[in-house]
Amino acid sequence: MIQELLLIVVVIGIVYFMFIKKKPLAKKKTKSEPKSKELSEELVECVACGTYSSASDSFLKAGQYYCSRECLEK
């Protein structure tokens, strides 16, 4: 009887620690920490239409940025 009760307590403890217990929260960002890459990505203006887009998503041809293939082909 005691062995069964102990086994049940152990199983409940394992389930609790593996699935239910939350992980500790990460420390909060302070003002001195750098912002994420998404917020600090450079925006460039499309030569054809004037739309701003991120440099990584833009098309570069002859040193000029274009926001889409349509603008690039104009």
Protein backbone atom coordinates (compact mmCIF):
# COMPACT_ATOMS: atom_id res chain seq x y z
CA MET A 1 0.00 0.00 0.00
CA ILE A 2 2.78 2.45 0.92
CA GLN A 3 4.76 1.48 -2.20
CA GLU A 4 1.77 2.24 -4.44
CA LEU A 5 1.24 5.61 -2.76
CA LEU A 6 4.94 6.45 -3.09
CA LEU A 7 4.91 5.43 -6.77
CA ILE A 8 1.89 7.68 -7.42
CA VAL A 9 3.60 10.63 -5.69
CA VAL A 10 6.78 10.09 -7.74
CA VAL A 11 4.84 9.92 -11.02
CA ILE A 12 2.90 13.08 -10.16
CA GLY A 13 6.18 14.83 -9.27
CA ILE A 14 7.78 13.85 -12.56
CA VAL A 15 4.77 15.03 -14.56
CA TYR A 16 4.74 18.31 -12.63
CA PHE A 17 8.40 19.11 -13.17
CA MET A 18 8.46 18.03 -16.82
CA PHE A 19 5.21 19.48 -18.12
CA ILE A 20 3.51 21.84 -15.70
CA LYS A 21 6.24 23.86 -14.02
CA LYS A 22 7.06 26.97 -16.02
CA LYS A 23 10.63 27.82 -16.86
CA PRO A 24 12.01 30.92 -15.15
CA LEU A 25 11.36 34.14 -17.02
CA ALA A 26 14.24 35.61 -18.97
CA LYS A 27 15.62 38.81 -17.55
CA LYS A 28 13.98 41.93 -18.87
CA LYS A 29 15.80 44.12 -21.37
CA THR A 30 17.23 47.34 -20.13
CA LYS A 31 17.66 50.52 -22.10
CA SER A 32 21.40 49.92 -22.50
CA GLU A 33 20.91 46.60 -24.31
CA PRO A 34 20.82 46.77 -28.11
CA LYS A 35 17.47 46.42 -29.83
CA SER A 36 16.65 43.38 -31.91
CA LYS A 37 17.87 43.10 -35.49
CA GLU A 38 14.39 43.71 -36.89
CA LEU A 39 14.14 47.12 -35.28
CA SER A 40 17.59 48.28 -36.33
CA GLU A 41 17.54 47.11 -39.95
CA GLU A 42 18.35 49.78 -42.52
CA LEU A 43 15.52 51.11 -44.68
CA VAL A 44 16.23 52.18 -48.25
CA GLU A 45 14.11 54.11 -50.73
CA CYS A 46 13.03 52.54 -54.01
CA VAL A 47 14.37 54.56 -56.95
CA ALA A 48 11.28 53.89 -59.09
CA CYS A 49 8.33 54.48 -56.73
CA GLY A 50 9.82 56.03 -53.57
CA THR A 51 8.64 53.27 -51.23
CA TYR A 52 10.85 52.46 -48.26
CA SER A 53 11.75 48.82 -47.64
CA SER A 54 14.42 46.97 -45.71
CA ALA A 55 17.76 46.65 -47.42
CA SER A 56 17.72 42.87 -47.09
CA ASP A 57 14.34 42.61 -48.87
CA SER A 58 15.20 45.08 -51.63
CA PHE A 59 16.71 44.41 -55.03
CA LEU A 60 20.04 46.07 -55.79
CA LYS A 61 20.99 46.94 -59.37
CA ALA A 62 23.76 49.31 -60.42
CA GLY A 63 24.01 50.67 -56.87
CA GLN A 64 20.32 51.54 -56.66
CA TYR A 65 17.65 49.85 -54.55
CA TYR A 66 14.27 48.68 -55.84
CA CYS A 67 11.39 47.46 -53.65
CA SER A 68 10.13 44.77 -56.05
CA ARG A 69 10.81 43.04 -59.34
CA GLU A 70 8.14 45.21 -60.99
CA CYS A 71 9.97 48.38 -60.04
CA LEU A 72 13.27 46.81 -61.10
CA GLU A 73 11.92 46.05 -64.58
CA LYS A 74 10.48 49.57 -65.14
